[in-house]
Amino acid sequence: MLPDAAPDGCTYLSTAQAADLFGLTPAAIRRWVRVGYLKPRAKDARGHALYDLQDVTEAEFLAREAAIRTAGTDRRVRRRIAA
């Protein structure tokens, strides 16, 4: 179940919610942040990162695309998203 949209119209997800939504581990979401596929858009009351649903969806696409391009090779792909 997704949280309600924020006043700015975006739906924000915690790391755990984003991971659950895509059937991943929270470590995978944090890895997307490290490699530049995703960046936090807000923080919750405890200071934890919140991600825009649309950004998480795009990061999942980028990660899947990179996995397909490098399948069967020793090459690792790192692609940064524009700021």
PDB file of N, CA and C in Angstrom:
ATOM      1  N   MET A   1       0.843  -1.185   0.000  1.00  0.00           N
ATOM      2  CA  MET A   1       0.000   0.000   0.000  1.00  0.00           C
ATOM      3  C   MET A   1       0.888   1.247   0.000  1.00  0.00           C
ATOM      4  N   LEU A   2       0.575   2.167  -0.870  1.00  0.00           N
ATOM      5  CA  LEU A   2       1.356   3.391  -0.980  1.00  0.00           C
ATOM      6  C   LEU A   2       0.854   4.446  -0.001  1.00  0.00           C
ATOM      7  N   PRO A   3       1.783   5.269   0.512  1.00  0.00           N
ATOM      8  CA  PRO A   3       1.352   6.372   1.364  1.00  0.00           C
ATOM      9  C   PRO A   3       0.624   7.424   0.535  1.00  0.00           C
ATOM     10  N   ASP A   4      -0.121   8.283   1.225  1.00  0.00           N
ATOM     11  CA  ASP A   4      -0.816   9.374   0.531  1.00  0.00           C
ATOM     12  C   ASP A   4       0.188  10.346  -0.050  1.00  0.00           C
ATOM     13  N   ALA A   5      -0.245  11.060  -1.068  1.00  0.00           N
ATOM     14  CA  ALA A   5       0.616  12.070  -1.693  1.00  0.00           C
ATOM     15  C   ALA A   5       0.830  13.228  -0.724  1.00  0.00           C
ATOM     16  N   ALA A   6       2.012  13.795  -0.776  1.00  0.00           N
ATOM     17  CA  ALA A   6       2.359  14.958   0.039  1.00  0.00           C
ATOM     18  C   ALA A   6       1.685  16.194  -0.560  1.00  0.00           C
ATOM     19  N   PRO A   7       1.682  17.310   0.169  1.00  0.00           N
ATOM     20  CA  PRO A   7       1.070  18.535  -0.364  1.00  0.00           C
ATOM     21  C   PRO A   7       1.643  18.974  -1.715  1.00  0.00           C
ATOM     22  N   ASP A   8       2.887  18.618  -2.000  1.00  0.00           N
ATOM     23  CA  ASP A   8       3.482  19.005  -3.281  1.00  0.00           C
ATOM     24  C   ASP A   8       3.078  18.068  -4.422  1.00  0.00           C
ATOM     25  N   GLY A   9       2.235  17.075  -4.121  1.00  0.00           N
ATOM     26  CA  GLY A   9       1.749  16.165  -5.150  1.00  0.00           C
ATOM     27  C   GLY A   9       2.582  14.923  -5.343  1.00  0.00           C
ATOM     28  N   CYS A  10       3.732  14.826  -4.691  1.00  0.00           N
ATOM     29  CA  CYS A  10       4.611  13.666  -4.815  1.00  0.00           C
ATOM     30  C   CYS A  10       4.251  12.615  -3.773  1.00  0.00           C
ATOM     31  N   THR A  11       4.493  11.373  -4.101  1.00  0.00           N
ATOM     32  CA  THR A  11       4.332  10.281  -3.149  1.00  0.00           C
ATOM     33  C   THR A  11       5.717   9.887  -2.692  1.00  0.00           C
ATOM     34  N   TYR A  12       5.997  10.069  -1.406  1.00  0.00           N
ATOM     35  CA  TYR A  12       7.316   9.783  -0.861  1.00  0.00           C
ATOM     36  C   TYR A  12       7.326   8.419  -0.181  1.00  0.00           C
ATOM     37  N   LEU A  13       8.427   7.700  -0.384  1.00  0.00           N
ATOM     38  CA  LEU A  13       8.605   6.369   0.185  1.00  0.00           C
ATOM     39  C   LEU A  13       9.865   6.333   1.022  1.00  0.00           C
ATOM     40  N   SER A  14       9.803   5.577   2.102  1.00  0.00           N
ATOM     41  CA  SER A  14      11.017   5.317   2.875  1.00  0.00           C
ATOM     42  C   SER A  14      11.837   4.270   2.129  1.00  0.00           C
ATOM     43  N   THR A  15      13.034   4.029   2.590  1.00  0.00           N
ATOM     44  CA  THR A  15      13.883   3.007   1.970  1.00  0.00           C
ATOM     45  C   THR A  15      13.194   1.645   2.016  1.00  0.00           C
ATOM     46  N   ALA A  16      12.612   1.303   3.163  1.00  0.00           N
ATOM     47  CA  ALA A  16      11.941   0.008   3.314  1.00  0.00           C
ATOM     48  C   ALA A  16      10.710  -0.089   2.416  1.00  0.00           C
ATOM     49  N   GLN A  17       9.924   0.983   2.320  1.00  0.00           N
ATOM     50  CA  GLN A  17       8.741   0.967   1.458  1.00  0.00           C
ATOM     51  C   GLN A  17       9.133   0.816  -0.008  1.00  0.00           C
ATOM     52  N   ALA A  18      10.170   1.522  -0.431  1.00  0.00           N
ATOM     53  CA  ALA A  18      10.631   1.419  -1.816  1.00  0.00           C
ATOM     54  C   ALA A  18      11.109   0.000  -2.108  1.00  0.00           C
ATOM     55  N   ALA A  19      11.837  -0.581  -1.179  1.00  0.00           N
ATOM     56  CA  ALA A  19      12.322  -1.951  -1.363  1.00  0.00           C
ATOM     57  C   ALA A  19      11.157  -2.935  -1.460  1.00  0.00           C
ATOM     58  N   ASP A  20      10.178  -2.809  -0.566  1.00  0.00           N
ATOM     59  CA  ASP A  20       9.011  -3.699  -0.599  1.00  0.00           C
ATOM     60  C   ASP A  20       8.237  -3.567  -1.905  1.00  0.00           C
ATOM     61  N   LEU A  21       8.081  -2.358  -2.379  1.00  0.00           N
ATOM     62  CA  LEU A  21       7.302  -2.115  -3.584  1.00  0.00           C
ATOM     63  C   LEU A  21       7.884  -2.843  -4.792  1.00  0.00           C
ATOM     64  N   PHE A  22       9.212  -2.929  -4.866  1.00  0.00           N
ATOM     65  CA  PHE A  22       9.862  -3.563  -6.013  1.00  0.00           C
ATOM     66  C   PHE A  22      10.413  -4.958  -5.705  1.00  0.00           C
ATOM     67  N   GLY A  23      10.112  -5.471  -4.516  1.00  0.00           N
ATOM     68  CA  GLY A  23      10.561  -6.815  -4.165  1.00  0.00           C
ATOM     69  C   GLY A  23      12.060  -6.908  -3.974  1.00  0.00           C
ATOM     70  N   LEU A  24      12.654  -5.849  -3.433  1.00  0.00           N
ATOM     71  CA  LEU A  24      14.096  -5.779  -3.222  1.00  0.00           C
ATOM     72  C   LEU A  24      14.416  -5.681  -1.744  1.00  0.00           C
ATOM     73  N   THR A  25      15.701  -5.631  -1.450  1.00  0.00           N
ATOM     74  CA  THR A  25      16.133  -5.380  -0.083  1.00  0.00           C
ATOM     75  C   THR A  25      16.435  -3.894   0.075  1.00  0.00           C
ATOM     76  N   PRO A  26      16.366  -3.373   1.295  1.00  0.00           N
ATOM     77  CA  PRO A  26      16.748  -1.977   1.511  1.00  0.00           C
ATOM     78  C   PRO A  26      18.183  -1.693   1.056  1.00  0.00           C
ATOM     79  N   ALA A  27      19.045  -2.693   1.126  1.00  0.00           N
ATOM     80  CA  ALA A  27      20.432  -2.518   0.679  1.00  0.00           C
ATOM     81  C   ALA A  27      20.490  -2.195  -0.817  1.00  0.00           C
ATOM     82  N   ALA A  28      19.577  -2.761  -1.608  1.00  0.00           N
ATOM     83  CA  ALA A  28      19.545  -2.468  -3.041  1.00  0.00           C
ATOM     84  C   ALA A  28      19.184  -1.007  -3.284  1.00  0.00           C
ATOM     85  N   ILE A  29      18.252  -0.477  -2.515  1.00  0.00           N
ATOM     86  CA  ILE A  29      17.870   0.933  -2.650  1.00  0.00           C
ATOM     87  C   ILE A  29      19.056   1.818  -2.267  1.00  0.00           C
ATOM     88  N   ARG A  30      19.733   1.481  -1.188  1.00  0.00           N
ATOM     89  CA  ARG A  30      20.900   2.269  -0.771  1.00  0.00           C
ATOM     90  C   ARG A  30      22.015   2.188  -1.816  1.00  0.00           C
ATOM     91  N   ARG A  31      22.151   1.052  -2.483  1.00  0.00           N
ATOM     92  CA  ARG A  31      23.153   0.903  -3.550  1.00  0.00           C
ATOM     93  C   ARG A  31      22.803   1.816  -4.726  1.00  0.00           C
ATOM     94  N   TRP A  32      21.517   1.917  -5.058  1.00  0.00           N
ATOM     95  CA  TRP A  32      21.103   2.817  -6.137  1.00  0.00           C
ATOM     96  C   TRP A  32      21.479   4.250  -5.809  1.00  0.00           C
ATOM     97  N   VAL A  33      21.382   4.617  -4.542  1.00  0.00           N
ATOM     98  CA  VAL A  33      21.774   5.973  -4.126  1.00  0.00           C
ATOM     99  C   VAL A  33      23.284   6.141  -4.302  1.00  0.00           C
ATOM    100  N   ARG A  34      24.046   5.142  -3.854  1.00  0.00           N
ATOM    101  CA  ARG A  34      25.511   5.206  -3.954  1.00  0.00           C
ATOM    102  C   ARG A  34      25.990   5.346  -5.399  1.00  0.00           C
ATOM    103  N   VAL A  35      25.372   4.612  -6.322  1.00  0.00           N
ATOM    104  CA  VAL A  35      25.849   4.642  -7.713  1.00  0.00           C
ATOM    105  C   VAL A  35      25.219   5.774  -8.522  1.00  0.00           C
ATOM    106  N   GLY A  36      24.283   6.497  -7.937  1.00  0.00           N
ATOM    107  CA  GLY A  36      23.746   7.676  -8.587  1.00  0.00           C
ATOM    108  C   GLY A  36      22.437   7.487  -9.338  1.00  0.00           C
ATOM    109  N   TYR A  37      21.782   6.349  -9.215  1.00  0.00           N
ATOM    110  CA  TYR A  37      20.504   6.137  -9.879  1.00  0.00           C
ATOM    111  C   TYR A  37      19.370   6.865  -9.163  1.00  0.00           C
ATOM    112  N   LEU A  38      19.546   7.131  -7.875  1.00  0.00           N
ATOM    113  CA  LEU A  38      18.467   7.652  -7.045  1.00  0.00           C
ATOM    114  C   LEU A  38      19.034   8.622  -6.033  1.00  0.00           C
ATOM    115  N   LYS A  39      18.250   9.652  -5.708  1.00  0.00           N
ATOM    116  CA  LYS A  39      18.665  10.540  -4.634  1.00  0.00           C
ATOM    117  C   LYS A  39      17.450  10.893  -3.789  1.00  0.00           C
ATOM    118  N   PRO A  40      17.667  11.060  -2.487  1.00  0.00           N
ATOM    119  CA  PRO A  40      16.550  11.396  -1.597  1.00  0.00           C
ATOM    120  C   PRO A  40      15.982  12.775  -1.950  1.00  0.00           C
ATOM    121  N   ARG A  41      14.671  12.913  -1.812  1.00  0.00           N
ATOM    122  CA  ARG A  41      14.003  14.190  -2.097  1.00  0.00           C
ATOM    123  C   ARG A  41      13.555  14.902  -0.822  1.00  0.00           C
ATOM    124  N   ALA A  42      13.474  14.160   0.295  1.00  0.00           N
ATOM    125  CA  ALA A  42      13.017  14.748   1.560  1.00  0.00           C
ATOM    126  C   ALA A  42      13.531  13.876   2.698  1.00  0.00           C
ATOM    127  N   LYS A  43      13.246  14.302   3.919  1.00  0.00           N
ATOM    128  CA  LYS A  43      13.584  13.517   5.107  1.00  0.00           C
ATOM    129  C   LYS A  43      12.352  13.428   5.987  1.00  0.00           C
ATOM    130  N   ASP A  44      12.231  12.304   6.691  1.00  0.00           N
ATOM    131  CA  ASP A  44      11.110  12.163   7.614  1.00  0.00           C
ATOM    132  C   ASP A  44      11.453  12.821   8.945  1.00  0.00           C
ATOM    133  N   ALA A  45      10.571  12.697   9.916  1.00  0.00           N
ATOM    134  CA  ALA A  45      10.759  13.343  11.216  1.00  0.00           C
ATOM    135  C   ALA A  45      12.013  12.849  11.939  1.00  0.00           C
ATOM    136  N   ARG A  46      12.434  11.641  11.651  1.00  0.00           N
ATOM    137  CA  ARG A  46      13.638  11.082  12.281  1.00  0.00           C
ATOM    138  C   ARG A  46      14.903  11.354  11.479  1.00  0.00           C
ATOM    139  N   GLY A  47      14.775  12.043  10.341  1.00  0.00           N
ATOM    140  CA  GLY A  47      15.938  12.364   9.523  1.00  0.00           C
ATOM    141  C   GLY A  47      16.300  11.306   8.500  1.00  0.00           C
ATOM    142  N   HIS A  48      15.433  10.308   8.325  1.00  0.00           N
ATOM    143  CA  HIS A  48      15.686   9.259   7.340  1.00  0.00           C
ATOM    144  C   HIS A  48      15.262   9.724   5.953  1.00  0.00           C
ATOM    145  N   ALA A  49      15.956   9.244   4.947  1.00  0.00           N
ATOM    146  CA  ALA A  49      15.715   9.646   3.563  1.00  0.00           C
ATOM    147  C   ALA A  49      14.339   9.190   3.083  1.00  0.00           C
ATOM    148  N   LEU A  50      13.713  10.054   2.289  1.00  0.00           N
ATOM    149  CA  LEU A  50      12.465   9.724   1.602  1.00  0.00           C
ATOM    150  C   LEU A  50      12.688   9.932   0.111  1.00  0.00           C
ATOM    151  N   TYR A  51      12.118   9.028  -0.685  1.00  0.00           N
ATOM    152  CA  TYR A  51      12.312   9.052  -2.124  1.00  0.00           C
ATOM    153  C   TYR A  51      10.980   9.257  -2.822  1.00  0.00           C
ATOM    154  N   ASP A  52      10.989  10.013  -3.891  1.00  0.00           N
ATOM    155  CA  ASP A  52       9.803  10.223  -4.719  1.00  0.00           C
ATOM    156  C   ASP A  52       9.527   8.916  -5.470  1.00  0.00           C
ATOM    157  N   LEU A  53       8.279   8.501  -5.501  1.00  0.00           N
ATOM    158  CA  LEU A  53       7.892   7.259  -6.174  1.00  0.00           C
ATOM    159  C   LEU A  53       8.346   7.244  -7.626  1.00  0.00           C
ATOM    160  N   GLN A  54       8.191   8.339  -8.323  1.00  0.00           N
ATOM    161  CA  GLN A  54       8.601   8.410  -9.729  1.00  0.00           C
ATOM    162  C   GLN A  54      10.114   8.215  -9.862  1.00  0.00           C
ATOM    163  N   ASP A  55      10.902   8.781  -8.945  1.00  0.00           N
ATOM    164  CA  ASP A  55      12.357   8.615  -8.977  1.00  0.00           C
ATOM    165  C   ASP A  55      12.746   7.159  -8.731  1.00  0.00           C
ATOM    166  N   VAL A  56      12.039   6.495  -7.810  1.00  0.00           N
ATOM    167  CA  VAL A  56      12.345   5.093  -7.510  1.00  0.00           C
ATOM    168  C   VAL A  56      12.032   4.223  -8.726  1.00  0.00           C
ATOM    169  N   THR A  57      10.933   4.518  -9.389  1.00  0.00           N
ATOM    170  CA  THR A  57      10.560   3.765 -10.588  1.00  0.00           C
ATOM    171  C   THR A  57      11.620   3.925 -11.673  1.00  0.00           C
ATOM    172  N   GLU A  58      12.093   5.149 -11.861  1.00  0.00           N
ATOM    173  CA  GLU A  58      13.137   5.392 -12.862  1.00  0.00           C
ATOM    174  C   GLU A  58      14.445   4.701 -12.474  1.00  0.00           C
ATOM    175  N   ALA A  59      14.799   4.727 -11.188  1.00  0.00           N
ATOM    176  CA  ALA A  59      16.025   4.066 -10.727  1.00  0.00           C
ATOM    177  C   ALA A  59      15.948   2.562 -10.961  1.00  0.00           C
ATOM    178  N   GLU A  60      14.770   1.974 -10.738  1.00  0.00           N
ATOM    179  CA  GLU A  60      14.598   0.542 -10.968  1.00  0.00           C
ATOM    180  C   GLU A  60      14.818   0.224 -12.447  1.00  0.00           C
ATOM    181  N   PHE A  61      14.302   1.070 -13.324  1.00  0.00           N
ATOM    182  CA  PHE A  61      14.502   0.884 -14.760  1.00  0.00           C
ATOM    183  C   PHE A  61      15.983   0.974 -15.113  1.00  0.00           C
ATOM    184  N   LEU A  62      16.678   1.985 -14.583  1.00  0.00           N
ATOM    185  CA  LEU A  62      18.109   2.155 -14.871  1.00  0.00           C
ATOM    186  C   LEU A  62      18.918   0.959 -14.372  1.00  0.00           C
ATOM    187  N   ALA A  63      18.599   0.475 -13.181  1.00  0.00           N
ATOM    188  CA  ALA A  63      19.328  -0.675 -12.626  1.00  0.00           C
ATOM    189  C   ALA A  63      19.089  -1.925 -13.465  1.00  0.00           C
ATOM    190  N   ARG A  64      17.839  -2.127 -13.879  1.00  0.00           N
ATOM    191  CA  ARG A  64      17.518  -3.300 -14.707  1.00  0.00           C
ATOM    192  C   ARG A  64      18.206  -3.196 -16.071  1.00  0.00           C
ATOM    193  N   GLU A  65      18.208  -1.996 -16.657  1.00  0.00           N
ATOM    194  CA  GLU A  65      18.864  -1.772 -17.939  1.00  0.00           C
ATOM    195  C   GLU A  65      20.366  -2.047 -17.840  1.00  0.00           C
ATOM    196  N   ALA A  66      20.998  -1.585 -16.773  1.00  0.00           N
ATOM    197  CA  ALA A  66      22.429  -1.821 -16.582  1.00  0.00           C
ATOM    198  C   ALA A  66      22.714  -3.304 -16.398  1.00  0.00           C
ATOM    199  N   ALA A  67      21.830  -4.014 -15.689  1.00  0.00           N
ATOM    200  CA  ALA A  67      22.021  -5.452 -15.480  1.00  0.00           C
ATOM    201  C   ALA A  67      21.916  -6.204 -16.802  1.00  0.00           C
ATOM    202  N   ILE A  68      20.996  -5.790 -17.645  1.00  0.00           N
ATOM    203  CA  ILE A  68      20.832  -6.453 -18.946  1.00  0.00           C
ATOM    204  C   ILE A  68      22.041  -6.189 -19.834  1.00  0.00           C
ATOM    205  N   ARG A  69      22.517  -4.932 -19.851  1.00  0.00           N
ATOM    206  CA  ARG A  69      23.665  -4.586 -20.708  1.00  0.00           C
ATOM    207  C   ARG A  69      24.932  -5.305 -20.296  1.00  0.00           C
ATOM    208  N   THR A  70      25.078  -5.601 -19.018  1.00  0.00           N
ATOM    209  CA  THR A  70      26.325  -6.200 -18.545  1.00  0.00           C
ATOM    210  C   THR A  70      26.198  -7.694 -18.260  1.00  0.00           C
ATOM    211  N   ALA A  71      25.050  -8.278 -18.538  1.00  0.00           N
ATOM    212  CA  ALA A  71      24.855  -9.710 -18.278  1.00  0.00           C
ATOM    213  C   ALA A  71      25.860 -10.526 -19.080  1.00  0.00           C
ATOM    214  N   GLY A  72      26.529 -11.425 -18.400  1.00  0.00           N
ATOM    215  CA  GLY A  72      27.483 -12.293 -19.064  1.00  0.00           C
ATOM    216  C   GLY A  72      28.851 -11.681 -19.277  1.00  0.00           C
ATOM    217  N   THR A  73      29.096 -10.504 -18.725  1.00  0.00           N
ATOM    218  CA  THR A  73      30.408  -9.866 -18.853  1.00  0.00           C
ATOM    219  C   THR A  73      30.959  -9.571 -17.469  1.00  0.00           C
ATOM    220  N   ASP A  74      32.225  -9.221 -17.439  1.00  0.00           N
ATOM    221  CA  ASP A  74      32.846  -8.818 -16.183  1.00  0.00           C
ATOM    222  C   ASP A  74      32.720  -7.315 -15.967  1.00  0.00           C
ATOM    223  N   ARG A  75      32.147  -6.620 -16.935  1.00  0.00           N
ATOM    224  CA  ARG A  75      32.058  -5.163 -16.899  1.00  0.00           C
ATOM    225  C   ARG A  75      30.974  -4.694 -15.924  1.00  0.00           C
ATOM    226  N   ARG A  76      31.285  -3.639 -15.187  1.00  0.00           N
ATOM    227  CA  ARG A  76      30.308  -3.010 -14.300  1.00  0.00           C
ATOM    228  C   ARG A  76      29.961  -1.642 -14.856  1.00  0.00           C
ATOM    229  N   VAL A  77      28.709  -1.306 -14.837  1.00  0.00           N
ATOM    230  CA  VAL A  77      28.268  -0.024 -15.370  1.00  0.00           C
ATOM    231  C   VAL A  77      27.833   0.882 -14.239  1.00  0.00           C
ATOM    232  N   ARG A  78      28.309   2.110 -14.267  1.00  0.00           N
ATOM    233  CA  ARG A  78      27.855   3.123 -13.324  1.00  0.00           C
ATOM    234  C   ARG A  78      27.433   4.328 -14.131  1.00  0.00           C
ATOM    235  N   ARG A  79      26.195   4.685 -14.002  1.00  0.00           N
ATOM    236  CA  ARG A  79      25.690   5.831 -14.744  1.00  0.00           C
ATOM    237  C   ARG A  79      25.015   6.764 -13.761  1.00  0.00           C
ATOM    238  N   ARG A  80      25.463   7.983 -13.753  1.00  0.00           N
ATOM    239  CA  ARG A  80      24.908   8.980 -12.843  1.00  0.00           C
ATOM    240  C   ARG A  80      23.719   9.676 -13.488  1.00  0.00           C
ATOM    241  N   ILE A  81      22.715   9.954 -12.694  1.00  0.00           N
ATOM    242  CA  ILE A  81      21.577  10.707 -13.213  1.00  0.00           C
ATOM    243  C   ILE A  81      21.875  12.187 -13.114  1.00  0.00           C
ATOM    244  N   ALA A  82      21.271  12.938 -13.977  1.00  0.00           N
ATOM    245  CA  ALA A  82      21.509  14.396 -13.981  1.00  0.00           C
ATOM    246  C   ALA A  82      20.936  15.006 -12.722  1.00  0.00           C
ATOM    247  N   ALA A  83      21.630  15.987 -12.198  1.00  0.00           N
ATOM    248  CA  ALA A  83      21.193  16.647 -10.955  1.00  0.00           C
ATOM    249  C   ALA A  83      20.086  17.629 -11.205  1.00  0.00           C
TER     250      ALA A  83
END
